[in-house]
Amino acid sequence: MSDNQIISPAIAEMPEGITGQGFFATSFDKAVGLARKNSLWPLPFATSCCGIEFMATMASHYDLARFGSERLSFSPRQSDLLMVMGTIAKKMGPVLREVYIQMAEPKWVIAVGACASSGGVFDTYSVLQGIDRIIPVDVYVPGCPPRPEQIIDGILKIQELVGNESLRRRNSEGYNDLMKQYHIE
């Protein structure tokens, strides 16, 4: 790609619906899903090298903002996407869990890198062997550390999940059972 080439901005695709002369009709679920998936507010929980790759993902070369995730929030109460990146020590587990609990519904979680997903190369007593032992995870991004392209792919997977999620899922019996498995009421 040359420096003079202009990249047009991404435009959100219309949800399924009925189009006519001067009107468009769709379901409420589809409209809310479109709005949610294109306005995620990520909270980065970065502890090591994966956090550096995330910084590169937010920089101008990769520009995560073009996917609707430009407003990083460092307050759990103002975030809906928790991005856990790097090694999580067992002592940090309760802090991570508290951050997750403080987030408002609906909320989603991405485990970025081998350490957040499975403990990575640190098979020791002090490292949590995957954050899914203390909080539910929606998308896993592999790598040690993953490249910015992989992190962007993880964001796109979350957007797909968010856009297709039913408004009633969070009130379902299955979701409540999942929260009970993690002792989150």
C-alpha atoms as a PDB file:
ATOM      1  CA  MET A   1       0.000   0.000   0.000  1.00  0.00           C
ATOM      2  CA  SER A   2       1.437   3.373  -0.956  1.00  0.00           C
ATOM      3  CA  ASP A   3       1.485   6.406   1.343  1.00  0.00           C
ATOM      4  CA  ASN A   4      -0.729   8.327  -1.092  1.00  0.00           C
ATOM      5  CA  GLN A   5      -3.516   5.758  -1.126  1.00  0.00           C
ATOM      6  CA  ILE A   6      -6.651   6.907   0.718  1.00  0.00           C
ATOM      7  CA  ILE A   7      -8.475   4.288   2.756  1.00  0.00           C
ATOM      8  CA  SER A   8     -12.199   4.826   2.986  1.00  0.00           C
ATOM      9  CA  PRO A   9     -13.757   4.434   6.450  1.00  0.00           C
ATOM     10  CA  ALA A  10     -15.653   1.270   7.272  1.00  0.00           C
ATOM     11  CA  ILE A  11     -19.420   1.652   7.218  1.00  0.00           C
ATOM     12  CA  ALA A  12     -21.626  -0.547   9.381  1.00  0.00           C
ATOM     13  CA  GLU A  13     -23.713  -2.964   7.360  1.00  0.00           C
ATOM     14  CA  MET A  14     -27.476  -2.688   7.584  1.00  0.00           C
ATOM     15  CA  PRO A  15     -29.161  -5.443   9.623  1.00  0.00           C
ATOM     16  CA  GLU A  16     -31.634  -7.791   7.982  1.00  0.00           C
ATOM     17  CA  GLY A  17     -34.944  -6.107   7.373  1.00  0.00           C
ATOM     18  CA  ILE A  18     -37.539  -4.872   4.947  1.00  0.00           C
ATOM     19  CA  THR A  19     -36.670  -1.933   2.723  1.00  0.00           C
ATOM     20  CA  GLY A  20     -39.166   0.157   0.853  1.00  0.00           C
ATOM     21  CA  GLN A  21     -39.601   3.616  -0.623  1.00  0.00           C
ATOM     22  CA  GLY A  22     -38.556   5.892   2.240  1.00  0.00           C
ATOM     23  CA  PHE A  23     -38.555   3.319   5.065  1.00  0.00           C
ATOM     24  CA  PHE A  24     -36.590   0.475   6.610  1.00  0.00           C
ATOM     25  CA  ALA A  25     -37.951  -2.002   9.173  1.00  0.00           C
ATOM     26  CA  THR A  26     -36.009  -4.527  11.229  1.00  0.00           C
ATOM     27  CA  SER A  27     -36.290  -6.262  14.581  1.00  0.00           C
ATOM     28  CA  PHE A  28     -35.355  -4.502  17.813  1.00  0.00           C
ATOM     29  CA  ASP A  29     -32.728  -7.205  18.529  1.00  0.00           C
ATOM     30  CA  LYS A  30     -30.972  -6.493  15.218  1.00  0.00           C
ATOM     31  CA  ALA A  31     -30.967  -2.708  15.732  1.00  0.00           C
ATOM     32  CA  VAL A  32     -29.602  -2.973  19.281  1.00  0.00           C
ATOM     33  CA  GLY A  33     -27.029  -5.574  18.170  1.00  0.00           C
ATOM     34  CA  LEU A  34     -25.798  -3.246  15.410  1.00  0.00           C
ATOM     35  CA  ALA A  35     -25.422  -0.365  17.879  1.00  0.00           C
ATOM     36  CA  ARG A  36     -23.680  -2.482  20.519  1.00  0.00           C
ATOM     37  CA  LYS A  37     -21.208  -4.163  18.200  1.00  0.00           C
ATOM     38  CA  ASN A  38     -20.039  -0.873  16.709  1.00  0.00           C
ATOM     39  CA  SER A  39     -19.615   0.962  20.015  1.00  0.00           C
ATOM     40  CA  LEU A  40     -17.673  -1.341  22.328  1.00  0.00           C
ATOM     41  CA  TRP A  41     -15.864   0.336  25.238  1.00  0.00           C
ATOM     42  CA  PRO A  42     -12.874  -1.859  26.060  1.00  0.00           C
ATOM     43  CA  LEU A  43     -11.155  -1.959  29.433  1.00  0.00           C
ATOM     44  CA  PRO A  44      -7.565  -3.148  28.920  1.00  0.00           C
ATOM     45  CA  PHE A  45      -6.261  -5.260  31.816  1.00  0.00           C
ATOM     46  CA  ALA A  46      -2.675  -5.578  30.604  1.00  0.00           C
ATOM     47  CA  THR A  47       0.130  -7.006  32.713  1.00  0.00           C
ATOM     48  CA  SER A  48       2.952  -7.964  30.347  1.00  0.00           C
ATOM     49  CA  CYS A  49       4.111  -8.260  26.746  1.00  0.00           C
ATOM     50  CA  CYS A  50       0.593  -8.731  25.351  1.00  0.00           C
ATOM     51  CA  GLY A  51      -0.172  -5.245  26.622  1.00  0.00           C
ATOM     52  CA  ILE A  52       2.613  -3.864  24.421  1.00  0.00           C
ATOM     53  CA  GLU A  53       1.076  -5.553  21.376  1.00  0.00           C
ATOM     54  CA  PHE A  54      -2.279  -4.043  22.336  1.00  0.00           C
ATOM     55  CA  MET A  55      -0.638  -0.602  22.387  1.00  0.00           C
ATOM     56  CA  ALA A  56       0.538  -1.244  18.836  1.00  0.00           C
ATOM     57  CA  THR A  57      -3.015  -2.267  17.909  1.00  0.00           C
ATOM     58  CA  MET A  58      -4.322   1.080  19.157  1.00  0.00           C
ATOM     59  CA  ALA A  59      -1.598   3.065  17.342  1.00  0.00           C
ATOM     60  CA  SER A  60      -2.040   4.649  13.936  1.00  0.00           C
ATOM     61  CA  HIS A  61      -0.669   1.747  11.853  1.00  0.00           C
ATOM     62  CA  TYR A  62      -3.368  -0.743  12.941  1.00  0.00           C
ATOM     63  CA  ASP A  63      -5.923   1.765  14.337  1.00  0.00           C
ATOM     64  CA  LEU A  64      -8.408  -0.264  16.346  1.00  0.00           C
ATOM     65  CA  ALA A  65     -10.617   2.855  16.438  1.00  0.00           C
ATOM     66  CA  ARG A  66     -11.868   2.114  12.929  1.00  0.00           C
ATOM     67  CA  PHE A  67     -13.720  -0.885  14.367  1.00  0.00           C
ATOM     68  CA  GLY A  68     -15.694   1.192  16.870  1.00  0.00           C
ATOM     69  CA  SER A  69     -13.422   0.536  19.868  1.00  0.00           C
ATOM     70  CA  GLU A  70     -11.554   3.786  20.171  1.00  0.00           C
ATOM     71  CA  ARG A  71     -12.821   4.858  23.562  1.00  0.00           C
ATOM     72  CA  LEU A  72     -10.729   2.936  26.068  1.00  0.00           C
ATOM     73  CA  SER A  73     -12.154   3.064  29.549  1.00  0.00           C
ATOM     74  CA  PHE A  74     -10.144   2.432  32.660  1.00  0.00           C
ATOM     75  CA  SER A  75     -13.256   2.338  34.809  1.00  0.00           C
ATOM     76  CA  PRO A  76     -15.090  -1.007  34.926  1.00  0.00           C
ATOM     77  CA  ARG A  77     -18.432   0.736  35.396  1.00  0.00           C
ATOM     78  CA  GLN A  78     -18.056   2.449  32.022  1.00  0.00           C
ATOM     79  CA  SER A  79     -16.846  -0.570  30.040  1.00  0.00           C
ATOM     80  CA  ASP A  80     -18.514  -3.489  28.352  1.00  0.00           C
ATOM     81  CA  LEU A  81     -15.485  -5.377  27.000  1.00  0.00           C
ATOM     82  CA  LEU A  82     -12.772  -6.645  29.345  1.00  0.00           C
ATOM     83  CA  MET A  83      -9.527  -7.372  27.491  1.00  0.00           C
ATOM     84  CA  VAL A  84      -7.213  -9.424  29.720  1.00  0.00           C
ATOM     85  CA  MET A  85      -3.694  -9.421  28.320  1.00  0.00           C
ATOM     86  CA  GLY A  86      -0.664 -11.049  29.851  1.00  0.00           C
ATOM     87  CA  THR A  87       0.290 -13.160  32.842  1.00  0.00           C
ATOM     88  CA  ILE A  88      -2.198 -13.114  35.688  1.00  0.00           C
ATOM     89  CA  ALA A  89      -0.701 -14.096  39.033  1.00  0.00           C
ATOM     90  CA  LYS A  90      -2.989 -15.903  41.467  1.00  0.00           C
ATOM     91  CA  LYS A  91      -2.743 -12.875  43.767  1.00  0.00           C
ATOM     92  CA  MET A  92      -4.233 -10.752  40.964  1.00  0.00           C
ATOM     93  CA  GLY A  93      -7.128 -13.158  40.424  1.00  0.00           C
ATOM     94  CA  PRO A  94      -9.426 -11.567  43.027  1.00  0.00           C
ATOM     95  CA  VAL A  95      -8.715  -8.102  41.586  1.00  0.00           C
ATOM     96  CA  LEU A  96      -9.540  -9.259  38.055  1.00  0.00           C
ATOM     97  CA  ARG A  97     -12.709 -10.932  39.302  1.00  0.00           C
ATOM     98  CA  GLU A  98     -13.771  -7.757  41.133  1.00  0.00           C
ATOM     99  CA  VAL A  99     -13.198  -5.691  37.982  1.00  0.00           C
ATOM    100  CA  TYR A 100     -15.396  -8.138  36.052  1.00  0.00           C
ATOM    101  CA  ILE A 101     -18.146  -8.020  38.677  1.00  0.00           C
ATOM    102  CA  GLN A 102     -18.132  -4.200  38.687  1.00  0.00           C
ATOM    103  CA  MET A 103     -18.792  -4.040  34.930  1.00  0.00           C
ATOM    104  CA  ALA A 104     -22.388  -3.359  33.927  1.00  0.00           C
ATOM    105  CA  GLU A 105     -24.341  -5.867  31.860  1.00  0.00           C
ATOM    106  CA  PRO A 106     -24.033  -6.740  29.065  1.00  0.00           C
ATOM    107  CA  LYS A 107     -20.312  -7.464  29.252  1.00  0.00           C
ATOM    108  CA  TRP A 108     -17.881  -9.559  27.278  1.00  0.00           C
ATOM    109  CA  VAL A 109     -14.339 -10.852  27.903  1.00  0.00           C
ATOM    110  CA  ILE A 110     -11.371 -11.489  25.599  1.00  0.00           C
ATOM    111  CA  ALA A 111      -8.367 -13.488  26.851  1.00  0.00           C
ATOM    112  CA  VAL A 112      -5.416 -12.171  24.825  1.00  0.00           C
ATOM    113  CA  GLY A 113      -2.309 -14.320  24.583  1.00  0.00           C
ATOM    114  CA  ALA A 114      -1.206 -17.672  25.905  1.00  0.00           C
ATOM    115  CA  CYS A 115      -0.790 -16.498  29.519  1.00  0.00           C
ATOM    116  CA  ALA A 116      -4.329 -15.145  29.912  1.00  0.00           C
ATOM    117  CA  SER A 117      -5.745 -18.156  28.070  1.00  0.00           C
ATOM    118  CA  SER A 118      -3.822 -20.988  29.743  1.00  0.00           C
ATOM    119  CA  GLY A 119      -0.983 -19.677  31.903  1.00  0.00           C
ATOM    120  CA  GLY A 120       1.421 -19.792  28.952  1.00  0.00           C
ATOM    121  CA  VAL A 121       4.890 -21.126  29.642  1.00  0.00           C
ATOM    122  CA  PHE A 122       4.493 -20.332  33.344  1.00  0.00           C
ATOM    123  CA  ASP A 123       3.253 -23.637  34.749  1.00  0.00           C
ATOM    124  CA  THR A 124       4.009 -22.576  38.317  1.00  0.00           C
ATOM    125  CA  TYR A 125       2.155 -22.337  41.610  1.00  0.00           C
ATOM    126  CA  SER A 126       1.935 -18.536  41.404  1.00  0.00           C
ATOM    127  CA  VAL A 127       0.403 -18.121  37.918  1.00  0.00           C
ATOM    128  CA  LEU A 128      -3.292 -18.553  37.202  1.00  0.00           C
ATOM    129  CA  GLN A 129      -3.612 -21.244  34.533  1.00  0.00           C
ATOM    130  CA  GLY A 130      -6.194 -19.381  32.467  1.00  0.00           C
ATOM    131  CA  ILE A 131      -8.565 -16.596  33.474  1.00  0.00           C
ATOM    132  CA  ASP A 132     -11.525 -18.823  32.641  1.00  0.00           C
ATOM    133  CA  ARG A 133     -10.978 -20.392  36.069  1.00  0.00           C
ATOM    134  CA  ILE A 134     -12.329 -17.228  37.720  1.00  0.00           C
ATOM    135  CA  ILE A 135     -14.410 -15.390  35.069  1.00  0.00           C
ATOM    136  CA  PRO A 136     -16.193 -16.517  31.882  1.00  0.00           C
ATOM    137  CA  VAL A 137     -14.351 -15.843  28.608  1.00  0.00           C
ATOM    138  CA  ASP A 138     -16.066 -15.194  25.274  1.00  0.00           C
ATOM    139  CA  VAL A 139     -13.086 -15.112  22.866  1.00  0.00           C
ATOM    140  CA  TYR A 140      -9.533 -16.442  23.147  1.00  0.00           C
ATOM    141  CA  VAL A 141      -6.744 -14.820  21.107  1.00  0.00           C
ATOM    142  CA  PRO A 142      -3.778 -17.216  20.731  1.00  0.00           C
ATOM    143  CA  GLY A 143      -0.128 -16.225  20.581  1.00  0.00           C
ATOM    144  CA  CYS A 144       2.827 -15.347  22.747  1.00  0.00           C
ATOM    145  CA  PRO A 145       2.438 -12.436  22.301  1.00  0.00           C
ATOM    146  CA  PRO A 146      -0.250 -12.265  19.614  1.00  0.00           C
ATOM    147  CA  ARG A 147       0.316  -9.888  16.722  1.00  0.00           C
ATOM    148  CA  PRO A 148      -1.934  -6.823  16.393  1.00  0.00           C
ATOM    149  CA  GLU A 149      -3.733  -8.525  13.489  1.00  0.00           C
ATOM    150  CA  GLN A 150      -4.714 -11.364  15.833  1.00  0.00           C
ATOM    151  CA  ILE A 151      -6.021  -8.910  18.437  1.00  0.00           C
ATOM    152  CA  ILE A 152      -8.075  -7.174  15.745  1.00  0.00           C
ATOM    153  CA  ASP A 153      -9.429 -10.584  14.695  1.00  0.00           C
ATOM    154  CA  GLY A 154     -10.440 -11.192  18.322  1.00  0.00           C
ATOM    155  CA  ILE A 155     -12.272  -7.847  18.388  1.00  0.00           C
ATOM    156  CA  LEU A 156     -14.068  -8.766  15.156  1.00  0.00           C
ATOM    157  CA  LYS A 157     -15.114 -12.108  16.688  1.00  0.00           C
ATOM    158  CA  ILE A 158     -16.487 -10.287  19.743  1.00  0.00           C
ATOM    159  CA  GLN A 159     -18.344  -7.867  17.460  1.00  0.00           C
ATOM    160  CA  GLU A 160     -19.899 -10.799  15.626  1.00  0.00           C
ATOM    161  CA  LEU A 161     -20.958 -12.352  18.941  1.00  0.00           C
ATOM    162  CA  VAL A 162     -22.334  -9.018  20.255  1.00  0.00           C
ATOM    163  CA  GLY A 163     -24.225  -8.264  17.049  1.00  0.00           C
ATOM    164  CA  ASN A 164     -25.971 -11.649  17.047  1.00  0.00           C
ATOM    165  CA  GLU A 165     -26.665 -11.935  20.772  1.00  0.00           C
ATOM    166  CA  SER A 166     -30.306 -11.966  21.806  1.00  0.00           C
ATOM    167  CA  LEU A 167     -31.451  -9.251  24.187  1.00  0.00           C
ATOM    168  CA  ARG A 168     -32.921 -11.988  26.359  1.00  0.00           C
ATOM    169  CA  ARG A 169     -29.739 -14.101  26.639  1.00  0.00           C
ATOM    170  CA  ARG A 170     -28.546 -12.380  29.816  1.00  0.00           C
ATOM    171  CA  ASN A 171     -31.842 -13.245  31.535  1.00  0.00           C
ATOM    172  CA  SER A 172     -31.838 -16.865  30.380  1.00  0.00           C
ATOM    173  CA  GLU A 173     -31.544 -19.850  32.684  1.00  0.00           C
ATOM    174  CA  GLY A 174     -28.337 -20.970  30.902  1.00  0.00           C
ATOM    175  CA  TYR A 175     -26.623 -17.629  31.502  1.00  0.00           C
ATOM    176  CA  ASN A 176     -27.685 -17.595  35.154  1.00  0.00           C
ATOM    177  CA  ASP A 177     -26.317 -21.133  35.552  1.00  0.00           C
ATOM    178  CA  LEU A 178     -23.000 -20.016  34.026  1.00  0.00           C
ATOM    179  CA  MET A 179     -22.745 -17.157  36.522  1.00  0.00           C
ATOM    180  CA  LYS A 180     -23.523 -19.558  39.388  1.00  0.00           C
ATOM    181  CA  GLN A 181     -20.657 -21.807  38.231  1.00  0.00           C
ATOM    182  CA  TYR A 182     -18.335 -18.826  38.751  1.00  0.00           C
ATOM    183  CA  HIS A 183     -20.089 -17.938  42.057  1.00  0.00           C
ATOM    184  CA  ILE A 184     -21.254 -14.619  40.614  1.00  0.00           C
ATOM    185  CA  GLU A 185     -24.800 -13.669  41.542  1.00  0.00           C
END
